[in-house]
C-alpha atoms as a PDB file:
ATOM      1  CA  MET A   1      22.787 -10.069   1.477  1.00  0.00           C
ATOM      2  CA  GLY A   2      21.404  -7.689   4.110  1.00  0.00           C
ATOM      3  CA  ALA A   3      21.767  -7.889   7.913  1.00  0.00           C
ATOM      4  CA  ALA A   4      23.189 -10.921   9.679  1.00  0.00           C
ATOM      5  CA  GLY A   5      19.987 -12.061  11.403  1.00  0.00           C
ATOM      6  CA  GLU A   6      17.549 -11.341   8.568  1.00  0.00           C
ATOM      7  CA  ARG A   7      16.016 -13.956   6.283  1.00  0.00           C
ATOM      8  CA  TYR A   8      15.263 -13.375   2.590  1.00  0.00           C
ATOM      9  CA  PHE A   9      12.933 -16.023   1.211  1.00  0.00           C
ATOM     10  CA  GLY A  10      10.978 -16.125  -2.004  1.00  0.00           C
ATOM     11  CA  LEU A  11       7.375 -17.390  -1.914  1.00  0.00           C
ATOM     12  CA  GLU A  12       6.206 -20.260  -4.083  1.00  0.00           C
ATOM     13  CA  ASN A  13       3.515 -19.611  -6.693  1.00  0.00           C
ATOM     14  CA  PHE A  14       0.210 -21.400  -6.057  1.00  0.00           C
ATOM     15  CA  GLY A  15      -1.467 -20.218  -9.259  1.00  0.00           C
ATOM     16  CA  ASN A  16      -2.039 -16.477  -9.749  1.00  0.00           C
ATOM     17  CA  THR A  17      -0.906 -15.678  -6.209  1.00  0.00           C
ATOM     18  CA  CYS A  18       1.613 -13.027  -7.285  1.00  0.00           C
ATOM     19  CA  TYR A  19      -0.368 -10.141  -5.730  1.00  0.00           C
ATOM     20  CA  CYS A  20      -0.794 -12.051  -2.472  1.00  0.00           C
ATOM     21  CA  ASN A  21       2.910 -12.974  -2.406  1.00  0.00           C
ATOM     22  CA  SER A  22       3.973  -9.369  -3.092  1.00  0.00           C
ATOM     23  CA  VAL A  23       1.845  -8.023  -0.222  1.00  0.00           C
ATOM     24  CA  LEU A  24       3.103 -10.781   2.105  1.00  0.00           C
ATOM     25  CA  GLN A  25       6.710  -9.737   1.420  1.00  0.00           C
ATOM     26  CA  ALA A  26       5.835  -6.116   2.208  1.00  0.00           C
ATOM     27  CA  LEU A  27       4.121  -7.138   5.463  1.00  0.00           C
ATOM     28  CA  TYR A  28       7.011  -9.370   6.527  1.00  0.00           C
ATOM     29  CA  PHE A  29       9.544  -6.557   6.200  1.00  0.00           C
ATOM     30  CA  CYS A  30       7.347  -4.177   8.191  1.00  0.00           C
ATOM     31  CA  VAL A  31       9.443  -4.984  11.261  1.00  0.00           C
ATOM     32  CA  PRO A  32       7.188  -3.521  14.028  1.00  0.00           C
ATOM     33  CA  PHE A  33       4.204  -5.438  12.645  1.00  0.00           C
ATOM     34  CA  ARG A  34       6.211  -8.636  12.222  1.00  0.00           C
ATOM     35  CA  GLU A  35       7.600  -8.532  15.767  1.00  0.00           C
ATOM     36  CA  GLN A  36       4.174  -8.007  17.340  1.00  0.00           C
ATOM     37  CA  LEU A  37       2.714 -10.787  15.225  1.00  0.00           C
ATOM     38  CA  LEU A  38       5.477 -13.222  16.209  1.00  0.00           C
ATOM     39  CA  GLU A  39       5.011 -12.306  19.883  1.00  0.00           C
ATOM     40  CA  TYR A  40       1.259 -12.858  19.566  1.00  0.00           C
ATOM     41  CA  TYR A  41       1.828 -16.225  17.905  1.00  0.00           C
ATOM     42  CA  SER A  42       4.238 -17.308  20.627  1.00  0.00           C
ATOM     43  CA  ASN A  43       1.626 -16.555  23.293  1.00  0.00           C
ATOM     44  CA  TYR A  44      -1.072 -18.217  21.174  1.00  0.00           C
ATOM     45  CA  LYS A  45       0.856 -21.480  20.914  1.00  0.00           C
ATOM     46  CA  ASN A  46       1.340 -21.537  24.689  1.00  0.00           C
ATOM     47  CA  GLY A  47      -2.357 -20.925  25.373  1.00  0.00           C
ATOM     48  CA  VAL A  48      -5.631 -22.702  24.766  1.00  0.00           C
ATOM     49  CA  ASP A  49      -6.098 -24.138  21.276  1.00  0.00           C
ATOM     50  CA  THR A  50      -8.517 -22.152  19.145  1.00  0.00           C
ATOM     51  CA  GLU A  51      -9.601 -22.363  15.535  1.00  0.00           C
ATOM     52  CA  ASP A  52      -7.111 -21.170  12.947  1.00  0.00           C
ATOM     53  CA  ASN A  53      -7.785 -17.790  11.392  1.00  0.00           C
ATOM     54  CA  LEU A  54      -6.047 -15.607   8.838  1.00  0.00           C
ATOM     55  CA  LEU A  55      -3.916 -13.930  11.505  1.00  0.00           C
ATOM     56  CA  ILE A  56      -2.682 -17.246  12.892  1.00  0.00           C
ATOM     57  CA  CYS A  57      -1.831 -18.541   9.416  1.00  0.00           C
ATOM     58  CA  LEU A  58       0.118 -15.369   8.661  1.00  0.00           C
ATOM     59  CA  ALA A  59       1.961 -15.591  11.977  1.00  0.00           C
ATOM     60  CA  ASP A  60       2.819 -19.216  11.237  1.00  0.00           C
ATOM     61  CA  LEU A  61       4.255 -18.241   7.849  1.00  0.00           C
ATOM     62  CA  PHE A  62       6.348 -15.436   9.392  1.00  0.00           C
ATOM     63  CA  THR A  63       7.607 -17.871  12.041  1.00  0.00           C
ATOM     64  CA  GLN A  64       8.645 -20.347   9.351  1.00  0.00           C
ATOM     65  CA  ILE A  65      10.634 -17.656   7.534  1.00  0.00           C
ATOM     66  CA  SER A  66      12.298 -16.104  10.599  1.00  0.00           C
ATOM     67  CA  SER A  67      13.300 -19.482  12.065  1.00  0.00           C
ATOM     68  CA  GLN A  68      15.038 -20.802   8.945  1.00  0.00           C
ATOM     69  CA  LYS A  69      18.671 -21.776   9.414  1.00  0.00           C
ATOM     70  CA  LYS A  70      19.540 -20.677   5.894  1.00  0.00           C
ATOM     71  CA  LYS A  71      19.640 -16.986   5.008  1.00  0.00           C
ATOM     72  CA  THR A  72      17.931 -17.350   1.624  1.00  0.00           C
ATOM     73  CA  GLY A  73      15.621 -19.850  -0.007  1.00  0.00           C
ATOM     74  CA  VAL A  74      12.000 -20.501  -0.973  1.00  0.00           C
ATOM     75  CA  ILE A  75       8.954 -21.155   1.244  1.00  0.00           C
ATOM     76  CA  ALA A  76       5.475 -22.303   0.244  1.00  0.00           C
ATOM     77  CA  PRO A  77       2.774 -20.110   1.897  1.00  0.00           C
ATOM     78  CA  LYS A  78       0.262 -22.931   1.316  1.00  0.00           C
ATOM     79  CA  ARG A  79      -1.544 -22.740   4.666  1.00  0.00           C
ATOM     80  CA  PHE A  80      -2.026 -18.997   4.451  1.00  0.00           C
ATOM     81  CA  VAL A  81      -3.217 -19.044   0.823  1.00  0.00           C
ATOM     82  CA  GLN A  82      -5.700 -21.846   1.542  1.00  0.00           C
ATOM     83  CA  ARG A  83      -7.095 -19.959   4.534  1.00  0.00           C
ATOM     84  CA  LEU A  84      -7.259 -16.736   2.540  1.00  0.00           C
ATOM     85  CA  LYS A  85      -9.266 -18.450  -0.202  1.00  0.00           C
ATOM     86  CA  LYS A  86     -11.700 -19.845   2.384  1.00  0.00           C
ATOM     87  CA  GLN A  87     -12.083 -16.704   4.427  1.00  0.00           C
ATOM     88  CA  ASN A  88     -11.831 -14.111   1.636  1.00  0.00           C
ATOM     89  CA  GLU A  89     -11.779 -11.181   4.059  1.00  0.00           C
ATOM     90  CA  LEU A  90      -9.512  -8.164   4.229  1.00  0.00           C
ATOM     91  CA  PHE A  91      -6.705  -8.395   6.777  1.00  0.00           C
ATOM     92  CA  ARG A  92      -6.906  -5.678   9.414  1.00  0.00           C
ATOM     93  CA  SER A  93      -4.300  -4.344  11.842  1.00  0.00           C
ATOM     94  CA  TYR A  94      -4.352  -1.363  14.181  1.00  0.00           C
ATOM     95  CA  MET A  95      -0.938  -0.338  12.838  1.00  0.00           C
ATOM     96  CA  HIS A  96      -2.522   0.257   9.431  1.00  0.00           C
ATOM     97  CA  GLN A  97      -5.634   1.963  10.810  1.00  0.00           C
ATOM     98  CA  GLY A  98      -6.068   5.730  10.703  1.00  0.00           C
ATOM     99  CA  ILE A  99      -9.014   8.112  11.042  1.00  0.00           C
ATOM    100  CA  LEU A 100     -10.397  10.406   8.340  1.00  0.00           C
ATOM    101  CA  THR A 101     -12.629  13.390   9.065  1.00  0.00           C
ATOM    102  CA  ASN A 102     -15.297  14.203   6.484  1.00  0.00           C
ATOM    103  CA  GLU A 103     -16.177  17.899   6.916  1.00  0.00           C
ATOM    104  CA  THR A 104     -19.157  19.577   5.264  1.00  0.00           C
ATOM    105  CA  ARG A 105     -19.764  23.323   5.698  1.00  0.00           C
ATOM    106  CA  CYS A 106     -23.168  24.796   4.899  1.00  0.00           C
ATOM    107  CA  LEU A 107     -22.663  27.964   2.819  1.00  0.00           C
ATOM    108  CA  ARG A 108     -25.827  29.525   4.242  1.00  0.00           C
ATOM    109  CA  CYS A 109     -25.443  29.149   8.009  1.00  0.00           C
ATOM    110  CA  GLU A 110     -21.705  28.200   8.085  1.00  0.00           C
ATOM    111  CA  THR A 111     -22.444  25.179  10.280  1.00  0.00           C
ATOM    112  CA  VAL A 112     -19.780  22.488   9.959  1.00  0.00           C
ATOM    113  CA  THR A 113     -20.824  18.846  10.098  1.00  0.00           C
ATOM    114  CA  ALA A 114     -17.969  16.454  10.776  1.00  0.00           C
ATOM    115  CA  ARG A 115     -18.029  12.668  10.551  1.00  0.00           C
ATOM    116  CA  ASP A 116     -15.084  10.431  11.449  1.00  0.00           C
ATOM    117  CA  GLU A 117     -14.369   7.146   9.694  1.00  0.00           C
ATOM    118  CA  THR A 118     -11.539   4.644   9.912  1.00  0.00           C
ATOM    119  CA  PHE A 119      -9.327   3.804   6.953  1.00  0.00           C
ATOM    120  CA  PHE A 120      -6.683   1.196   6.218  1.00  0.00           C
ATOM    121  CA  ASP A 121      -5.321   2.737   3.026  1.00  0.00           C
ATOM    122  CA  LEU A 122      -5.643   5.998   1.105  1.00  0.00           C
ATOM    123  CA  SER A 123      -6.920   5.574  -2.458  1.00  0.00           C
ATOM    124  CA  LEU A 124      -5.622   8.467  -4.527  1.00  0.00           C
ATOM    125  CA  ASP A 125      -6.705   9.646  -7.979  1.00  0.00           C
ATOM    126  CA  ILE A 126      -3.692  10.230 -10.198  1.00  0.00           C
ATOM    127  CA  GLU A 127      -2.873  12.600 -13.047  1.00  0.00           C
ATOM    128  CA  GLN A 128      -0.170  12.670 -15.701  1.00  0.00           C
ATOM    129  CA  ASN A 129       3.212  14.033 -14.520  1.00  0.00           C
ATOM    130  CA  SER A 130       2.118  14.409 -10.908  1.00  0.00           C
ATOM    131  CA  SER A 131       3.526  13.461  -7.514  1.00  0.00           C
ATOM    132  CA  ILE A 132       2.287  11.718  -4.391  1.00  0.00           C
ATOM    133  CA  THR A 133       2.326  15.086  -2.623  1.00  0.00           C
ATOM    134  CA  SER A 134       0.045  16.685  -5.233  1.00  0.00           C
ATOM    135  CA  CYS A 135      -2.249  13.631  -5.196  1.00  0.00           C
ATOM    136  CA  LEU A 136      -2.573  13.955  -1.403  1.00  0.00           C
ATOM    137  CA  LYS A 137      -3.425  17.648  -1.752  1.00  0.00           C
ATOM    138  CA  ASN A 138      -6.119  16.806  -4.295  1.00  0.00           C
ATOM    139  CA  PHE A 139      -7.464  14.162  -1.918  1.00  0.00           C
ATOM    140  CA  SER A 140      -8.033  16.866   0.721  1.00  0.00           C
ATOM    141  CA  SER A 141      -9.125  19.626  -1.652  1.00  0.00           C
ATOM    142  CA  THR A 142     -12.442  21.421  -1.102  1.00  0.00           C
ATOM    143  CA  GLU A 143     -15.399  20.324  -3.236  1.00  0.00           C
ATOM    144  CA  THR A 144     -18.502  22.477  -3.726  1.00  0.00           C
ATOM    145  CA  LEU A 145     -21.863  20.712  -3.486  1.00  0.00           C
ATOM    146  CA  ASN A 146     -24.598  22.445  -5.474  1.00  0.00           C
ATOM    147  CA  ALA A 147     -27.540  21.858  -7.814  1.00  0.00           C
ATOM    148  CA  GLU A 148     -28.391  18.150  -7.708  1.00  0.00           C
ATOM    149  CA  ASP A 149     -25.633  17.552  -5.148  1.00  0.00           C
ATOM    150  CA  ASN A 150     -26.936  20.036  -2.566  1.00  0.00           C
ATOM    151  CA  PHE A 151     -26.321  19.081   1.057  1.00  0.00           C
ATOM    152  CA  PHE A 152     -29.187  18.703   3.563  1.00  0.00           C
ATOM    153  CA  CYS A 153     -28.314  21.003   6.459  1.00  0.00           C
ATOM    154  CA  ASP A 154     -29.893  19.946   9.767  1.00  0.00           C
ATOM    155  CA  LYS A 155     -29.759  23.503  11.092  1.00  0.00           C
ATOM    156  CA  CYS A 156     -31.381  25.069   8.014  1.00  0.00           C
ATOM    157  CA  CYS A 157     -33.718  22.037   7.641  1.00  0.00           C
ATOM    158  CA  SER A 158     -33.322  22.230   3.883  1.00  0.00           C
ATOM    159  CA  LEU A 159     -31.015  21.475   0.981  1.00  0.00           C
ATOM    160  CA  GLN A 160     -28.216  24.015   0.734  1.00  0.00           C
ATOM    161  CA  GLU A 161     -25.009  24.597  -1.169  1.00  0.00           C
ATOM    162  CA  ALA A 162     -22.044  23.403   0.844  1.00  0.00           C
ATOM    163  CA  GLN A 163     -18.321  22.793   0.768  1.00  0.00           C
ATOM    164  CA  LYS A 164     -16.918  19.368   1.518  1.00  0.00           C
ATOM    165  CA  ARG A 165     -13.414  18.076   2.185  1.00  0.00           C
ATOM    166  CA  MET A 166     -11.600  15.095   3.663  1.00  0.00           C
ATOM    167  CA  LYS A 167      -8.773  15.437   6.174  1.00  0.00           C
ATOM    168  CA  ILE A 168      -6.592  12.935   7.969  1.00  0.00           C
ATOM    169  CA  LYS A 169      -7.491  13.230  11.640  1.00  0.00           C
ATOM    170  CA  LYS A 170      -5.215  10.482  12.914  1.00  0.00           C
ATOM    171  CA  PRO A 171      -2.452   9.115  10.655  1.00  0.00           C
ATOM    172  CA  PRO A 172      -1.687   5.396  11.032  1.00  0.00           C
ATOM    173  CA  HIS A 173       1.700   4.073  12.082  1.00  0.00           C
ATOM    174  CA  ILE A 174       1.919   2.241   8.748  1.00  0.00           C
ATOM    175  CA  LEU A 175       0.542   4.262   5.831  1.00  0.00           C
ATOM    176  CA  VAL A 176      -0.631   2.360   2.744  1.00  0.00           C
ATOM    177  CA  ILE A 177      -1.208   4.508  -0.351  1.00  0.00           C
ATOM    178  CA  HIS A 178      -3.188   2.967  -3.184  1.00  0.00           C
ATOM    179  CA  LEU A 179      -2.810   4.618  -6.587  1.00  0.00           C
ATOM    180  CA  LYS A 180      -6.007   4.333  -8.633  1.00  0.00           C
ATOM    181  CA  ARG A 181      -4.386   3.207 -11.866  1.00  0.00           C
ATOM    182  CA  PHE A 182      -7.478   1.587 -13.343  1.00  0.00           C
ATOM    183  CA  LYS A 183     -10.273   3.865 -14.557  1.00  0.00           C
ATOM    184  CA  TYR A 184     -13.562   2.891 -16.172  1.00  0.00           C
ATOM    185  CA  ILE A 185     -13.890   4.487 -19.610  1.00  0.00           C
ATOM    186  CA  GLU A 186     -17.542   4.655 -20.682  1.00  0.00           C
ATOM    187  CA  GLN A 187     -16.688   5.004 -24.377  1.00  0.00           C
ATOM    188  CA  LEU A 188     -14.659   1.788 -24.222  1.00  0.00           C
ATOM    189  CA  GLY A 189     -17.019  -0.014 -21.862  1.00  0.00           C
ATOM    190  CA  ARG A 190     -14.085  -1.286 -19.779  1.00  0.00           C
ATOM    191  CA  TYR A 191     -11.361  -0.318 -17.357  1.00  0.00           C
ATOM    192  CA  LYS A 192      -8.156   1.163 -18.706  1.00  0.00           C
ATOM    193  CA  LYS A 193      -4.778   1.285 -17.007  1.00  0.00           C
ATOM    194  CA  LEU A 194      -3.479   4.823 -16.464  1.00  0.00           C
ATOM    195  CA  SER A 195       0.220   4.574 -17.233  1.00  0.00           C
ATOM    196  CA  TYR A 196       0.986   8.012 -15.806  1.00  0.00           C
ATOM    197  CA  ARG A 197       4.246   9.221 -14.352  1.00  0.00           C
ATOM    198  CA  VAL A 198       3.694   9.749 -10.612  1.00  0.00           C
ATOM    199  CA  VAL A 199       6.784  10.743  -8.640  1.00  0.00           C
ATOM    200  CA  PHE A 200       7.056   9.419  -5.099  1.00  0.00           C
ATOM    201  CA  PRO A 201       9.597  10.360  -2.423  1.00  0.00           C
ATOM    202  CA  LEU A 202      11.514   7.998  -0.189  1.00  0.00           C
ATOM    203  CA  GLU A 203      10.579  10.300   2.706  1.00  0.00           C
ATOM    204  CA  LEU A 204       7.066  11.784   2.934  1.00  0.00           C
ATOM    205  CA  LYS A 205       5.660  14.483   5.225  1.00  0.00           C
ATOM    206  CA  LEU A 206       1.882  14.637   5.599  1.00  0.00           C
ATOM    207  CA  SER A 207       0.611  18.220   5.562  1.00  0.00           C
ATOM    208  CA  ASN A 208      -3.155  17.657   5.256  1.00  0.00           C
ATOM    209  CA  THR A 209      -3.730  16.276   8.742  1.00  0.00           C
ATOM    210  CA  VAL A 210      -5.937  17.617  11.540  1.00  0.00           C
ATOM    211  CA  GLU A 211      -3.597  16.444  14.257  1.00  0.00           C
ATOM    212  CA  ASP A 212       0.100  15.619  14.311  1.00  0.00           C
ATOM    213  CA  ALA A 213       0.820  17.851  11.311  1.00  0.00           C
ATOM    214  CA  ASP A 214       4.481  16.890  11.256  1.00  0.00           C
ATOM    215  CA  SER A 215       3.897  13.192  10.561  1.00  0.00           C
ATOM    216  CA  GLU A 216       6.876  11.943   8.574  1.00  0.00           C
ATOM    217  CA  TYR A 217       6.998   8.598   6.812  1.00  0.00           C
ATOM    218  CA  SER A 218       9.712   6.505   5.193  1.00  0.00           C
ATOM    219  CA  LEU A 219       8.987   4.341   2.166  1.00  0.00           C
ATOM    220  CA  PHE A 220       9.849   0.688   2.803  1.00  0.00           C
ATOM    221  CA  ALA A 221       7.727  -1.304   0.341  1.00  0.00           C
ATOM    222  CA  VAL A 222       6.207  -0.965  -3.125  1.00  0.00           C
ATOM    223  CA  VAL A 223       3.742  -3.362  -4.772  1.00  0.00           C
ATOM    224  CA  VAL A 224       4.007  -3.194  -8.559  1.00  0.00           C
ATOM    225  CA  HIS A 225       1.601  -4.294 -11.302  1.00  0.00           C
ATOM    226  CA  VAL A 226       3.022  -5.618 -14.568  1.00  0.00           C
ATOM    227  CA  GLY A 227       0.747  -5.508 -17.611  1.00  0.00           C
ATOM    228  CA  SER A 228      -1.736  -3.248 -19.397  1.00  0.00           C
ATOM    229  CA  GLY A 229      -5.107  -4.166 -17.902  1.00  0.00           C
ATOM    230  CA  PRO A 230      -6.849  -4.914 -14.567  1.00  0.00           C
ATOM    231  CA  ASN A 231      -7.904  -8.452 -15.454  1.00  0.00           C
ATOM    232  CA  HIS A 232      -4.492  -9.828 -16.321  1.00  0.00           C
ATOM    233  CA  GLY A 233      -0.848  -9.210 -15.557  1.00  0.00           C
ATOM    234  CA  HIS A 234       1.525  -9.935 -12.701  1.00  0.00           C
ATOM    235  CA  TYR A 235       2.568  -8.419  -9.348  1.00  0.00           C
ATOM    236  CA  VAL A 236       6.024  -8.043  -7.853  1.00  0.00           C
ATOM    237  CA  SER A 237       7.289  -6.171  -4.798  1.00  0.00           C
ATOM    238  CA  LEU A 238      10.217  -4.024  -3.751  1.00  0.00           C
ATOM    239  CA  VAL A 239      11.085  -4.042  -0.046  1.00  0.00           C
ATOM    240  CA  LYS A 240      13.646  -2.161   2.032  1.00  0.00           C
ATOM    241  CA  SER A 241      15.409  -4.144   4.753  1.00  0.00           C
ATOM    242  CA  HIS A 242      18.355  -2.876   6.792  1.00  0.00           C
ATOM    243  CA  ASN A 243      19.114  -0.074   4.299  1.00  0.00           C
ATOM    244  CA  HIS A 244      19.070  -2.477   1.335  1.00  0.00           C
ATOM    245  CA  TRP A 245      16.373  -2.700  -1.332  1.00  0.00           C
ATOM    246  CA  LEU A 246      15.230  -6.160  -2.447  1.00  0.00           C
ATOM    247  CA  PHE A 247      13.211  -7.273  -5.464  1.00  0.00           C
ATOM    248  CA  PHE A 248      10.733 -10.153  -4.906  1.00  0.00           C
ATOM    249  CA  ASP A 249       9.148 -12.059  -7.792  1.00  0.00           C
ATOM    250  CA  TYR A 250       7.690 -15.381  -6.584  1.00  0.00           C
ATOM    251  CA  GLU A 251      10.709 -17.557  -5.696  1.00  0.00           C
ATOM    252  CA  ASN A 252      13.243 -15.014  -7.006  1.00  0.00           C
ATOM    253  CA  VAL A 253      14.921 -12.580  -4.606  1.00  0.00           C
ATOM    254  CA  GLU A 254      17.452 -10.020  -5.855  1.00  0.00           C
ATOM    255  CA  MET A 255      19.194  -7.088  -4.223  1.00  0.00           C
ATOM    256  CA  ILE A 256      18.836  -3.853  -6.202  1.00  0.00           C
ATOM    257  CA  ASP A 257      20.220  -0.343  -5.937  1.00  0.00           C
ATOM    258  CA  GLU A 258      18.053   2.374  -4.389  1.00  0.00           C
ATOM    259  CA  SER A 259      18.178   4.302  -7.660  1.00  0.00           C
ATOM    260  CA  ALA A 260      16.322   1.407  -9.309  1.00  0.00           C
ATOM    261  CA  VAL A 261      13.334   1.967  -7.010  1.00  0.00           C
ATOM    262  CA  GLN A 262      12.624   5.368  -8.499  1.00  0.00           C
ATOM    263  CA  ILE A 263      12.585   3.881 -11.982  1.00  0.00           C
ATOM    264  CA  PHE A 264       9.115   2.655 -11.113  1.00  0.00           C
ATOM    265  CA  PHE A 265       7.566   6.143 -11.242  1.00  0.00           C
ATOM    266  CA  ARG A 266       8.499   6.651 -14.879  1.00  0.00           C
ATOM    267  CA  SER A 267       5.908   6.791 -17.646  1.00  0.00           C
ATOM    268  CA  ALA A 268       5.430   4.074 -20.263  1.00  0.00           C
ATOM    269  CA  GLN A 269       7.270   6.180 -22.847  1.00  0.00           C
ATOM    270  CA  GLU A 270      10.292   6.554 -20.554  1.00  0.00           C
ATOM    271  CA  TYR A 271      10.417   2.807 -20.003  1.00  0.00           C
ATOM    272  CA  SER A 272      10.562   2.119 -23.716  1.00  0.00           C
ATOM    273  CA  SER A 273      13.143   4.821 -24.467  1.00  0.00           C
ATOM    274  CA  ASN A 274      15.580   4.301 -21.583  1.00  0.00           C
ATOM    275  CA  THR A 275      17.807   1.263 -22.094  1.00  0.00           C
ATOM    276  CA  ASP A 276      19.523   1.765 -18.712  1.00  0.00           C
ATOM    277  CA  ILE A 277      16.380   0.421 -17.041  1.00  0.00           C
ATOM    278  CA  PHE A 278      16.906  -3.018 -18.519  1.00  0.00           C
ATOM    279  CA  ARG A 279      20.360  -3.307 -16.964  1.00  0.00           C
ATOM    280  CA  VAL A 280      19.153  -2.819 -13.374  1.00  0.00           C
ATOM    281  CA  CYS A 281      17.667  -6.317 -13.044  1.00  0.00           C
ATOM    282  CA  PRO A 282      18.128  -8.479 -16.130  1.00  0.00           C
ATOM    283  CA  GLY A 283      14.808  -9.832 -17.350  1.00  0.00           C
ATOM    284  CA  VAL A 284      12.795  -7.799 -14.830  1.00  0.00           C
ATOM    285  CA  PHE A 285      11.815  -4.731 -16.848  1.00  0.00           C
ATOM    286  CA  LYS A 286      10.702  -6.341 -20.087  1.00  0.00           C
ATOM    287  CA  GLN A 287       7.112  -5.132 -19.657  1.00  0.00           C
ATOM    288  CA  TYR A 288       5.766  -1.801 -18.532  1.00  0.00           C
ATOM    289  CA  ARG A 289       4.920  -1.789 -14.864  1.00  0.00           C
ATOM    290  CA  SER A 290       3.665   0.728 -12.317  1.00  0.00           C
ATOM    291  CA  ARG A 291       3.016   0.936  -8.596  1.00  0.00           C
ATOM    292  CA  VAL A 292      -0.409   0.254  -7.196  1.00  0.00           C
ATOM    293  CA  HIS A 293       0.564   0.379  -3.505  1.00  0.00           C
ATOM    294  CA  LEU A 294       3.180   2.406  -1.659  1.00  0.00           C
ATOM    295  CA  ILE A 295       3.725   1.347   1.957  1.00  0.00           C
ATOM    296  CA  LEU A 296       5.389   3.737   4.398  1.00  0.00           C
ATOM    297  CA  ARG A 297       6.090   3.726   8.130  1.00  0.00           C
ATOM    298  CA  LYS A 298       6.373   6.635  10.533  1.00  0.00           C
ATOM    299  CA  SER A 299       9.986   7.675  10.756  1.00  0.00           C
ATOM    300  CA  TRP A 300      10.203   6.800  14.449  1.00  0.00           C
ATOM    301  CA  CYS A 301       9.076   3.193  13.867  1.00  0.00           C
ATOM    302  CA  LYS A 302      11.745   0.557  14.405  1.00  0.00           C
ATOM    303  CA  GLN A 303      13.372  -0.381  11.093  1.00  0.00           C
ATOM    304  CA  GLU A 304      15.831  -3.032  12.107  1.00  0.00           C
END
């Protein structure tokens, strides 16, 4: 399975840790991130002792996996999960950090107000029978602010109609796309899962950027939700390593064909009507599932 020096280990379940385990698998197979983390941990162990943090616990887990003599097996991410439960903070890395520019143009004086903000993932609204490319275009589409939403223009010193849009000023090295599959329905008084077909490419070119307009990304990980609602269900992950796609579900690790990856953008109706899906990974596709995170790296990033 896979390259000679790579390790493929499932992660033990510590009680509803499927989402955490799925993201950990995606992070481990982000090779540039993993290598820098292992280098940091090596220097950390040789330096002055400091209090454990989430980064150190993650580095320790990655070291355990990469130093295993066996090629496959199961590891318990107990230390990391315990620290995560105590700390309960989002993990941050410069590789995942980009910059968005929020532009607002006053329609009276044409003055443009721009505000930069960092981001670690792009949360995209989705529509039925759409694509990641169209969702990204909608993310950067121009919105008109009027009536109750009028914009206060500093130059006009009053509320004015304006046009607003978001653009990617600086794309990150590792791009995380979050699909907003759970929407609050007022009539129902709860969140509903949007089981829409959203096509995603294995190679993505960003066209809505301020700088570096030719940013190209390669898909290498997908985090998938299984179930019909936001408060229950299960998470699994698909990860690309050395030109092979792997399926991770807790302790289970299976190699799958690349064509199976694109099955995950089908709609609920296509899942139920296409029996070929159930032959890709026996027992894997018994419930409808859909991506919540797509993780891509710039095409020049080291992949092996």
